[in-house]
C-alpha atoms as a PDB file:
ATOM      1  CA  UNK A   1      -2.634  46.797  35.453  1.00  0.00           C
ATOM      2  CA  UNK A   2      -2.164  47.893  39.069  1.00  0.00           C
ATOM      3  CA  UNK A   3      -3.460  45.721  41.880  1.00  0.00           C
ATOM      4  CA  UNK A   4      -6.578  46.922  43.687  1.00  0.00           C
ATOM      5  CA  UNK A   5      -6.318  47.212  47.507  1.00  0.00           C
ATOM      6  CA  UNK A   6      -7.834  44.317  49.424  1.00  0.00           C
ATOM      7  CA  UNK A   7     -10.395  46.460  51.385  1.00  0.00           C
ATOM      8  CA  UNK A   8     -11.697  47.869  48.094  1.00  0.00           C
ATOM      9  CA  UNK A   9     -12.155  44.350  46.706  1.00  0.00           C
ATOM     10  CA  UNK A  10     -13.943  43.187  49.863  1.00  0.00           C
ATOM     11  CA  UNK A  11     -16.260  46.188  49.803  1.00  0.00           C
ATOM     12  CA  UNK A  12     -16.991  45.593  46.110  1.00  0.00           C
ATOM     13  CA  UNK A  13     -17.844  41.942  46.770  1.00  0.00           C
ATOM     14  CA  UNK A  14     -20.084  42.936  49.677  1.00  0.00           C
ATOM     15  CA  UNK A  15     -21.974  45.353  47.410  1.00  0.00           C
ATOM     16  CA  UNK A  16     -22.555  42.608  44.825  1.00  0.00           C
ATOM     17  CA  UNK A  17     -23.274  39.580  47.027  1.00  0.00           C
ATOM     18  CA  UNK A  18     -25.640  39.225  49.938  1.00  0.00           C
ATOM     19  CA  UNK A  19     -23.264  36.775  51.591  1.00  0.00           C
ATOM     20  CA  UNK A  20     -19.586  36.890  50.666  1.00  0.00           C
ATOM     21  CA  UNK A  21     -18.073  33.381  50.898  1.00  0.00           C
ATOM     22  CA  UNK A  22     -14.702  32.803  52.468  1.00  0.00           C
ATOM     23  CA  UNK A  23     -11.943  32.951  49.888  1.00  0.00           C
ATOM     24  CA  UNK A  24      -8.228  32.351  50.090  1.00  0.00           C
ATOM     25  CA  UNK A  25      -6.257  35.550  49.827  1.00  0.00           C
ATOM     26  CA  UNK A  26      -3.332  34.803  47.530  1.00  0.00           C
ATOM     27  CA  UNK A  27      -1.564  36.868  44.860  1.00  0.00           C
ATOM     28  CA  UNK A  28      -3.364  34.848  42.162  1.00  0.00           C
ATOM     29  CA  UNK A  29      -6.886  35.336  43.571  1.00  0.00           C
ATOM     30  CA  UNK A  30      -6.170  39.008  44.336  1.00  0.00           C
ATOM     31  CA  UNK A  31      -4.935  39.590  40.787  1.00  0.00           C
ATOM     32  CA  UNK A  32      -8.012  37.835  39.347  1.00  0.00           C
ATOM     33  CA  UNK A  33     -10.449  39.853  41.484  1.00  0.00           C
ATOM     34  CA  UNK A  34      -8.539  43.044  40.667  1.00  0.00           C
ATOM     35  CA  UNK A  35      -8.942  42.355  36.961  1.00  0.00           C
ATOM     36  CA  UNK A  36     -12.668  41.689  37.427  1.00  0.00           C
ATOM     37  CA  UNK A  37     -13.046  44.834  39.546  1.00  0.00           C
ATOM     38  CA  UNK A  38     -11.252  47.052  37.008  1.00  0.00           C
ATOM     39  CA  UNK A  39     -13.260  45.571  34.114  1.00  0.00           C
ATOM     40  CA  UNK A  40     -16.532  46.059  36.002  1.00  0.00           C
ATOM     41  CA  UNK A  41     -15.614  49.620  36.917  1.00  0.00           C
ATOM     42  CA  UNK A  42     -14.717  50.423  33.313  1.00  0.00           C
ATOM     43  CA  UNK A  43     -17.988  48.946  32.048  1.00  0.00           C
ATOM     44  CA  UNK A  44     -19.954  50.917  34.620  1.00  0.00           C
ATOM     45  CA  UNK A  45     -18.268  54.147  33.491  1.00  0.00           C
ATOM     46  CA  UNK A  46     -19.035  53.323  29.850  1.00  0.00           C
ATOM     47  CA  UNK A  47     -22.645  52.561  30.791  1.00  0.00           C
ATOM     48  CA  UNK A  48     -23.003  55.853  32.633  1.00  0.00           C
ATOM     49  CA  UNK A  49     -21.561  57.708  29.632  1.00  0.00           C
ATOM     50  CA  UNK A  50     -23.992  55.933  27.293  1.00  0.00           C
ATOM     51  CA  UNK A  51     -26.905  56.681  29.641  1.00  0.00           C
ATOM     52  CA  UNK A  52     -25.917  60.367  29.692  1.00  0.00           C
ATOM     53  CA  UNK A  53     -25.804  60.451  25.890  1.00  0.00           C
ATOM     54  CA  UNK A  54     -29.207  58.759  25.661  1.00  0.00           C
ATOM     55  CA  UNK A  55     -30.651  61.175  28.203  1.00  0.00           C
ATOM     56  CA  UNK A  56     -29.245  64.105  26.208  1.00  0.00           C
ATOM     57  CA  UNK A  57     -30.762  62.685  23.009  1.00  0.00           C
ATOM     58  CA  UNK A  58     -34.095  62.207  24.818  1.00  0.00           C
ATOM     59  CA  UNK A  59     -34.095  65.832  25.935  1.00  0.00           C
ATOM     60  CA  UNK A  60     -33.267  66.955  22.400  1.00  0.00           C
ATOM     61  CA  UNK A  61     -36.058  64.817  20.951  1.00  0.00           C
ATOM     62  CA  UNK A  62     -38.487  66.183  23.547  1.00  0.00           C
ATOM     63  CA  UNK A  63     -37.504  69.697  22.563  1.00  0.00           C
ATOM     64  CA  UNK A  64     -37.930  68.844  18.881  1.00  0.00           C
ATOM     65  CA  UNK A  65     -41.321  67.296  19.681  1.00  0.00           C
ATOM     66  CA  UNK A  66     -42.476  70.410  21.467  1.00  0.00           C
ATOM     67  CA  UNK A  67     -41.231  72.494  18.539  1.00  0.00           C
ATOM     68  CA  UNK A  68     -43.193  70.368  16.057  1.00  0.00           C
ATOM     69  CA  UNK A  69     -46.301  70.561  18.213  1.00  0.00           C
ATOM     70  CA  UNK A  70     -45.958  74.341  18.317  1.00  0.00           C
ATOM     71  CA  UNK A  71     -45.670  74.422  14.547  1.00  0.00           C
ATOM     72  CA  UNK A  72     -48.765  72.188  14.229  1.00  0.00           C
ATOM     73  CA  UNK A  73     -50.687  74.409  16.648  1.00  0.00           C
ATOM     74  CA  UNK A  74     -49.737  77.442  14.594  1.00  0.00           C
ATOM     75  CA  UNK A  75     -50.922  75.703  11.429  1.00  0.00           C
ATOM     76  CA  UNK A  76     -54.475  75.605  12.741  1.00  0.00           C
ATOM     77  CA  UNK A  77     -56.741  73.932  15.220  1.00  0.00           C
ATOM     78  CA  UNK A  78     -57.278  70.182  14.676  1.00  0.00           C
ATOM     79  CA  UNK A  79     -54.218  69.686  12.483  1.00  0.00           C
ATOM     80  CA  UNK A  80     -52.374  67.591  15.121  1.00  0.00           C
ATOM     81  CA  UNK A  81     -55.461  65.409  15.744  1.00  0.00           C
ATOM     82  CA  UNK A  82     -55.880  64.799  11.999  1.00  0.00           C
ATOM     83  CA  UNK A  83     -52.342  63.445  11.792  1.00  0.00           C
ATOM     84  CA  UNK A  84     -53.168  60.784  14.392  1.00  0.00           C
ATOM     85  CA  UNK A  85     -55.963  59.183  12.348  1.00  0.00           C
ATOM     86  CA  UNK A  86     -56.870  58.239   8.810  1.00  0.00           C
ATOM     87  CA  UNK A  87     -54.465  58.404   5.841  1.00  0.00           C
ATOM     88  CA  UNK A  88     -52.306  61.029   7.536  1.00  0.00           C
ATOM     89  CA  UNK A  89     -51.492  58.636  10.377  1.00  0.00           C
ATOM     90  CA  UNK A  90     -50.536  55.869   7.945  1.00  0.00           C
ATOM     91  CA  UNK A  91     -48.383  58.315   5.976  1.00  0.00           C
ATOM     92  CA  UNK A  92     -46.628  59.469   9.154  1.00  0.00           C
ATOM     93  CA  UNK A  93     -46.003  55.891  10.252  1.00  0.00           C
ATOM     94  CA  UNK A  94     -44.544  54.986   6.845  1.00  0.00           C
ATOM     95  CA  UNK A  95     -42.299  58.060   6.867  1.00  0.00           C
ATOM     96  CA  UNK A  96     -41.209  57.352  10.429  1.00  0.00           C
ATOM     97  CA  UNK A  97     -40.374  53.708   9.657  1.00  0.00           C
ATOM     98  CA  UNK A  98     -38.552  54.772   6.485  1.00  0.00           C
ATOM     99  CA  UNK A  99     -36.414  57.357   8.304  1.00  0.00           C
ATOM    100  CA  UNK A 100     -35.713  54.858  11.100  1.00  0.00           C
ATOM    101  CA  UNK A 101     -34.630  52.088   8.699  1.00  0.00           C
ATOM    102  CA  UNK A 102     -32.342  54.470   6.768  1.00  0.00           C
ATOM    103  CA  UNK A 103     -31.036  56.096   9.978  1.00  0.00           C
ATOM    104  CA  UNK A 104     -32.235  59.596   8.978  1.00  0.00           C
ATOM    105  CA  UNK A 105     -32.890  62.364  11.482  1.00  0.00           C
ATOM    106  CA  UNK A 106     -35.307  64.256   9.228  1.00  0.00           C
ATOM    107  CA  UNK A 107     -38.134  63.395   6.857  1.00  0.00           C
ATOM    108  CA  UNK A 108     -36.930  65.887   4.251  1.00  0.00           C
ATOM    109  CA  UNK A 109     -37.633  64.457   0.807  1.00  0.00           C
ATOM    110  CA  UNK A 110     -34.198  65.448  -0.478  1.00  0.00           C
ATOM    111  CA  UNK A 111     -32.523  63.398   2.230  1.00  0.00           C
ATOM    112  CA  UNK A 112     -34.889  60.450   1.678  1.00  0.00           C
ATOM    113  CA  UNK A 113     -34.377  60.548  -2.087  1.00  0.00           C
ATOM    114  CA  UNK A 114     -30.607  60.714  -1.627  1.00  0.00           C
ATOM    115  CA  UNK A 115     -30.628  57.722   0.757  1.00  0.00           C
ATOM    116  CA  UNK A 116     -32.906  55.736  -1.559  1.00  0.00           C
ATOM    117  CA  UNK A 117     -30.688  56.558  -4.553  1.00  0.00           C
ATOM    118  CA  UNK A 118     -27.663  55.357  -2.613  1.00  0.00           C
ATOM    119  CA  UNK A 119     -29.439  52.123  -1.730  1.00  0.00           C
ATOM    120  CA  UNK A 120     -30.439  51.567  -5.362  1.00  0.00           C
ATOM    121  CA  UNK A 121     -26.873  52.196  -6.498  1.00  0.00           C
ATOM    122  CA  UNK A 122     -25.547  49.746  -3.911  1.00  0.00           C
ATOM    123  CA  UNK A 123     -28.130  47.189  -5.014  1.00  0.00           C
ATOM    124  CA  UNK A 124     -27.099  47.629  -8.662  1.00  0.00           C
ATOM    125  CA  UNK A 125     -23.421  47.271  -7.749  1.00  0.00           C
ATOM    126  CA  UNK A 126     -23.961  44.249  -5.526  1.00  0.00           C
ATOM    127  CA  UNK A 127     -26.235  42.458  -8.023  1.00  0.00           C
ATOM    128  CA  UNK A 128     -23.446  40.803 -10.076  1.00  0.00           C
ATOM    129  CA  UNK A 129     -21.526  39.959  -6.911  1.00  0.00           C
ATOM    130  CA  UNK A 130     -24.640  38.382  -5.389  1.00  0.00           C
ATOM    131  CA  UNK A 131     -25.213  36.418  -8.595  1.00  0.00           C
ATOM    132  CA  UNK A 132     -21.618  35.224  -8.590  1.00  0.00           C
ATOM    133  CA  UNK A 133     -21.821  34.190  -4.953  1.00  0.00           C
ATOM    134  CA  UNK A 134     -25.129  32.424  -5.620  1.00  0.00           C
ATOM    135  CA  UNK A 135     -23.587  30.573  -8.588  1.00  0.00           C
ATOM    136  CA  UNK A 136     -20.547  29.592  -6.495  1.00  0.00           C
ATOM    137  CA  UNK A 137     -22.812  28.363  -3.699  1.00  0.00           C
ATOM    138  CA  UNK A 138     -24.870  26.297  -6.142  1.00  0.00           C
ATOM    139  CA  UNK A 139     -21.740  24.806  -7.737  1.00  0.00           C
ATOM    140  CA  UNK A 140     -20.282  24.026  -4.343  1.00  0.00           C
ATOM    141  CA  UNK A 141     -23.540  22.412  -3.266  1.00  0.00           C
ATOM    142  CA  UNK A 142     -23.528  20.274  -6.417  1.00  0.00           C
ATOM    143  CA  UNK A 143     -19.906  19.281  -5.848  1.00  0.00           C
ATOM    144  CA  UNK A 144     -20.566  18.499  -2.201  1.00  0.00           C
ATOM    145  CA  UNK A 145     -23.649  16.482  -3.161  1.00  0.00           C
ATOM    146  CA  UNK A 146     -21.634  14.431  -5.668  1.00  0.00           C
ATOM    147  CA  UNK A 147     -18.887  13.874  -3.089  1.00  0.00           C
ATOM    148  CA  UNK A 148     -21.490  12.886  -0.514  1.00  0.00           C
ATOM    149  CA  UNK A 149     -23.024  10.326  -2.866  1.00  0.00           C
ATOM    150  CA  UNK A 150     -19.560   8.937  -3.625  1.00  0.00           C
ATOM    151  CA  UNK A 151     -18.781   8.593   0.073  1.00  0.00           C
ATOM    152  CA  UNK A 152     -22.167   6.986   0.653  1.00  0.00           C
ATOM    153  CA  UNK A 153     -21.477   4.504  -2.152  1.00  0.00           C
ATOM    154  CA  UNK A 154     -18.059   3.654  -0.689  1.00  0.00           C
ATOM    155  CA  UNK A 155     -19.604   3.373   2.728  1.00  0.00           C
ATOM    156  CA  UNK A 156     -22.211   0.978   1.346  1.00  0.00           C
ATOM    157  CA  UNK A 157     -19.446  -1.161  -0.157  1.00  0.00           C
ATOM    158  CA  UNK A 158     -17.563  -1.163   3.132  1.00  0.00           C
ATOM    159  CA  UNK A 159     -20.726  -2.120   5.027  1.00  0.00           C
ATOM    160  CA  UNK A 160     -21.463  -4.926   2.558  1.00  0.00           C
ATOM    161  CA  UNK A 161     -17.886  -6.201   2.810  1.00  0.00           C
ATOM    162  CA  UNK A 162     -18.016  -6.027   6.606  1.00  0.00           C
ATOM    163  CA  UNK A 163     -21.314  -7.939   6.560  1.00  0.00           C
ATOM    164  CA  UNK A 164     -19.805 -10.652   4.341  1.00  0.00           C
ATOM    165  CA  UNK A 165     -16.746 -10.917   6.595  1.00  0.00           C
ATOM    166  CA  UNK A 166     -19.010 -11.103   9.617  1.00  0.00           C
ATOM    167  CA  UNK A 167     -21.024 -13.929   8.052  1.00  0.00           C
ATOM    168  CA  UNK A 168     -17.827 -15.804   7.108  1.00  0.00           C
ATOM    169  CA  UNK A 169     -16.367 -15.369  10.572  1.00  0.00           C
ATOM    170  CA  UNK A 170     -19.655 -16.445  12.137  1.00  0.00           C
ATOM    171  CA  UNK A 171     -19.612 -19.609   9.974  1.00  0.00           C
ATOM    172  CA  UNK A 172     -15.973 -20.314  10.911  1.00  0.00           C
ATOM    173  CA  UNK A 173     -16.741 -19.701  14.577  1.00  0.00           C
ATOM    174  CA  UNK A 174     -19.717 -22.086  14.368  1.00  0.00           C
ATOM    175  CA  UNK A 175     -17.524 -24.786  12.793  1.00  0.00           C
ATOM    176  CA  UNK A 176     -14.806 -24.265  15.389  1.00  0.00           C
ATOM    177  CA  UNK A 177     -17.404 -24.417  18.145  1.00  0.00           C
ATOM    178  CA  UNK A 178     -18.754 -27.724  16.819  1.00  0.00           C
ATOM    179  CA  UNK A 179     -15.207 -29.116  16.561  1.00  0.00           C
ATOM    180  CA  UNK A 180     -14.454 -27.980  20.091  1.00  0.00           C
ATOM    181  CA  UNK A 181     -17.631 -29.617  21.377  1.00  0.00           C
ATOM    182  CA  UNK A 182     -16.655 -32.835  19.556  1.00  0.00           C
ATOM    183  CA  UNK A 183     -13.119 -32.754  21.024  1.00  0.00           C
ATOM    184  CA  UNK A 184     -14.449 -32.110  24.534  1.00  0.00           C
ATOM    185  CA  UNK A 185     -16.892 -35.006  24.142  1.00  0.00           C
ATOM    186  CA  UNK A 186     -14.110 -37.298  22.870  1.00  0.00           C
ATOM    187  CA  UNK A 187     -11.858 -36.300  25.779  1.00  0.00           C
ATOM    188  CA  UNK A 188     -14.635 -37.158  28.200  1.00  0.00           C
ATOM    189  CA  UNK A 189     -15.156 -40.443  26.315  1.00  0.00           C
ATOM    190  CA  UNK A 190     -11.442 -41.239  26.471  1.00  0.00           C
ATOM    191  CA  UNK A 191     -11.392 -40.397  30.169  1.00  0.00           C
ATOM    192  CA  UNK A 192     -14.303 -42.744  30.796  1.00  0.00           C
ATOM    193  CA  UNK A 193     -12.539 -45.442  28.747  1.00  0.00           C
ATOM    194  CA  UNK A 194      -9.360 -45.062  30.810  1.00  0.00           C
ATOM    195  CA  UNK A 195     -11.308 -45.213  34.053  1.00  0.00           C
ATOM    196  CA  UNK A 196     -13.252 -48.262  32.795  1.00  0.00           C
ATOM    197  CA  UNK A 197     -10.045 -50.016  31.702  1.00  0.00           C
ATOM    198  CA  UNK A 198      -8.397 -49.317  35.062  1.00  0.00           C
ATOM    199  CA  UNK A 199     -11.500 -50.704  36.793  1.00  0.00           C
ATOM    200  CA  UNK A 200     -11.363 -53.871  34.665  1.00  0.00           C
ATOM    201  CA  UNK A 201      -7.635 -54.149  35.407  1.00  0.00           C
ATOM    202  CA  UNK A 202      -8.289 -53.924  39.142  1.00  0.00           C
ATOM    203  CA  UNK A 203     -11.061 -56.544  38.931  1.00  0.00           C
ATOM    204  CA  UNK A 204      -8.714 -58.883  37.044  1.00  0.00           C
ATOM    205  CA  UNK A 205      -6.130 -58.671  39.780  1.00  0.00           C
ATOM    206  CA  UNK A 206      -3.839 -56.077  38.214  1.00  0.00           C
ATOM    207  CA  UNK A 207      -3.109 -54.154  41.383  1.00  0.00           C
ATOM    208  CA  UNK A 208       0.486 -53.447  40.373  1.00  0.00           C
ATOM    209  CA  UNK A 209       0.816 -49.665  39.952  1.00  0.00           C
ATOM    210  CA  UNK A 210       3.824 -50.107  37.705  1.00  0.00           C
ATOM    211  CA  UNK A 211       1.641 -51.309  34.821  1.00  0.00           C
ATOM    212  CA  UNK A 212      -0.764 -48.400  34.997  1.00  0.00           C
ATOM    213  CA  UNK A 213      -1.082 -46.109  31.980  1.00  0.00           C
ATOM    214  CA  UNK A 214       0.618 -43.187  33.672  1.00  0.00           C
ATOM    215  CA  UNK A 215       3.598 -45.314  34.675  1.00  0.00           C
ATOM    216  CA  UNK A 216       3.848 -46.751  31.168  1.00  0.00           C
ATOM    217  CA  UNK A 217       3.893 -43.212  29.746  1.00  0.00           C
ATOM    218  CA  UNK A 218       6.725 -42.318  32.144  1.00  0.00           C
ATOM    219  CA  UNK A 219       8.666 -45.423  31.138  1.00  0.00           C
ATOM    220  CA  UNK A 220       8.147 -44.634  27.440  1.00  0.00           C
ATOM    221  CA  UNK A 221       9.501 -41.093  28.000  1.00  0.00           C
ATOM    222  CA  UNK A 222      12.512 -42.535  29.824  1.00  0.00           C
ATOM    223  CA  UNK A 223      13.066 -45.057  27.030  1.00  0.00           C
ATOM    224  CA  UNK A 224      13.017 -42.304  24.413  1.00  0.00           C
ATOM    225  CA  UNK A 225      15.584 -40.344  26.400  1.00  0.00           C
ATOM    226  CA  UNK A 226      17.861 -43.392  26.715  1.00  0.00           C
ATOM    227  CA  UNK A 227      17.581 -44.068  22.981  1.00  0.00           C
ATOM    228  CA  UNK A 228      18.610 -40.452  22.260  1.00  0.00           C
ATOM    229  CA  UNK A 229      21.654 -40.886  24.557  1.00  0.00           C
ATOM    230  CA  UNK A 230      22.493 -44.266  22.994  1.00  0.00           C
ATOM    231  CA  UNK A 231      22.524 -43.026  19.376  1.00  0.00           C
ATOM    232  CA  UNK A 232      25.945 -41.186  19.455  1.00  0.00           C
ATOM    233  CA  UNK A 233      27.479 -44.085  21.423  1.00  0.00           C
ATOM    234  CA  UNK A 234      26.226 -46.518  18.779  1.00  0.00           C
ATOM    235  CA  UNK A 235      27.872 -44.430  16.023  1.00  0.00           C
ATOM    236  CA  UNK A 236      31.207 -44.529  17.895  1.00  0.00           C
ATOM    237  CA  UNK A 237      30.853 -48.282  18.371  1.00  0.00           C
ATOM    238  CA  UNK A 238      30.272 -48.783  14.624  1.00  0.00           C
ATOM    239  CA  UNK A 239      33.619 -47.073  14.006  1.00  0.00           C
ATOM    240  CA  UNK A 240      35.424 -49.493  16.326  1.00  0.00           C
ATOM    241  CA  UNK A 241      33.606 -52.488  14.862  1.00  0.00           C
ATOM    242  CA  UNK A 242      35.021 -51.611  11.413  1.00  0.00           C
ATOM    243  CA  UNK A 243      38.627 -52.197  12.653  1.00  0.00           C
ATOM    244  CA  UNK A 244      40.435 -55.544  11.906  1.00  0.00           C
ATOM    245  CA  UNK A 245      40.247 -58.246  14.573  1.00  0.00           C
ATOM    246  CA  UNK A 246      44.034 -58.290  15.377  1.00  0.00           C
ATOM    247  CA  UNK A 247      46.609 -55.652  16.303  1.00  0.00           C
ATOM    248  CA  UNK A 248      48.979 -56.545  13.422  1.00  0.00           C
ATOM    249  CA  UNK A 249      46.248 -56.167  10.816  1.00  0.00           C
ATOM    250  CA  UNK A 250      45.342 -52.874  12.418  1.00  0.00           C
ATOM    251  CA  UNK A 251      48.921 -51.634  11.982  1.00  0.00           C
ATOM    252  CA  UNK A 252      48.822 -52.756   8.341  1.00  0.00           C
ATOM    253  CA  UNK A 253      45.572 -50.857   7.789  1.00  0.00           C
ATOM    254  CA  UNK A 254      47.066 -47.765   9.463  1.00  0.00           C
ATOM    255  CA  UNK A 255      50.198 -47.944   7.267  1.00  0.00           C
ATOM    256  CA  UNK A 256      48.055 -48.387   4.193  1.00  0.00           C
ATOM    257  CA  UNK A 257      45.960 -45.369   5.163  1.00  0.00           C
ATOM    258  CA  UNK A 258      49.124 -43.305   5.702  1.00  0.00           C
ATOM    259  CA  UNK A 259      50.441 -44.242   2.251  1.00  0.00           C
ATOM    260  CA  UNK A 260      47.148 -43.187   0.717  1.00  0.00           C
ATOM    261  CA  UNK A 261      47.308 -39.924   2.664  1.00  0.00           C
ATOM    262  CA  UNK A 262      50.870 -39.233   1.439  1.00  0.00           C
ATOM    263  CA  UNK A 263      49.829 -39.957  -2.141  1.00  0.00           C
ATOM    264  CA  UNK A 264      46.888 -37.576  -1.872  1.00  0.00           C
ATOM    265  CA  UNK A 265      49.104 -34.860  -0.351  1.00  0.00           C
ATOM    266  CA  UNK A 266      51.596 -35.178  -3.245  1.00  0.00           C
ATOM    267  CA  UNK A 267      48.807 -34.994  -5.779  1.00  0.00           C
ATOM    268  CA  UNK A 268      47.398 -31.884  -4.133  1.00  0.00           C
ATOM    269  CA  UNK A 269      50.857 -30.258  -3.995  1.00  0.00           C
ATOM    270  CA  UNK A 270      51.395 -31.041  -7.711  1.00  0.00           C
ATOM    271  CA  UNK A 271      48.091 -29.490  -8.657  1.00  0.00           C
ATOM    272  CA  UNK A 272      48.853 -26.394  -6.575  1.00  0.00           C
ATOM    273  CA  UNK A 273      52.275 -26.071  -8.308  1.00  0.00           C
ATOM    274  CA  UNK A 274      50.683 -26.314 -11.732  1.00  0.00           C
ATOM    275  CA  UNK A 275      48.250 -23.559 -10.798  1.00  0.00           C
ATOM    276  CA  UNK A 276      51.149 -21.213  -9.819  1.00  0.00           C
ATOM    277  CA  UNK A 277      52.974 -21.906 -13.087  1.00  0.00           C
END
């Protein structure tokens, strides 16, 4: 679609709006306004064409009305007035509504009978289809109702289970809360006991900070660390303590151990040889 010139767009906006706001002139905004302008112009042309067709139809209907009035005048004086009142008026209104509903341009009985016959035939043809659709709708409604009840039942079970879990969790939370309150109270009690014991210690002359609880805890930690470091040294010492008390006996024990080692090596070699054979 070709772009509309900027002056044309500004003039079009001025004709639509009493006060045209400032707008940024960019290729995007120009293209958007051009599309709106072309669409509006096309719709206006279509509207004018439709108005012309309606005006033409109005003129034709006016001419037809004048023709009918002339025919009624030729039929006799008072005929037109009689059609506007009493049973004739009701008959004319029924015929007019009938022709309008069936989109007929004339009240000729042949045309009306043909249209009515067509409608009856369509009704007869669409009857089984309507019944089938109605049956399908009813079956689908039944199926949907059953599915809805099933989902509602499952939802009820889920809600009941969630309620039970909520009650259990609330009971657990209450127990935990009571335990926490008890622990907090005991901590406060222990703290008061420590403070009371330290006060008694001070009153009894125990001003030495090295025998305070905190210092004793530090010393206990240090003792545990030293014991951990001492354990491998103690194992090494036990190995040395198992040696004989003199150097000569030590040499004898070493020679004895070597003989046992040689014997074991020969036994292992013999067993390996027997496996190869």
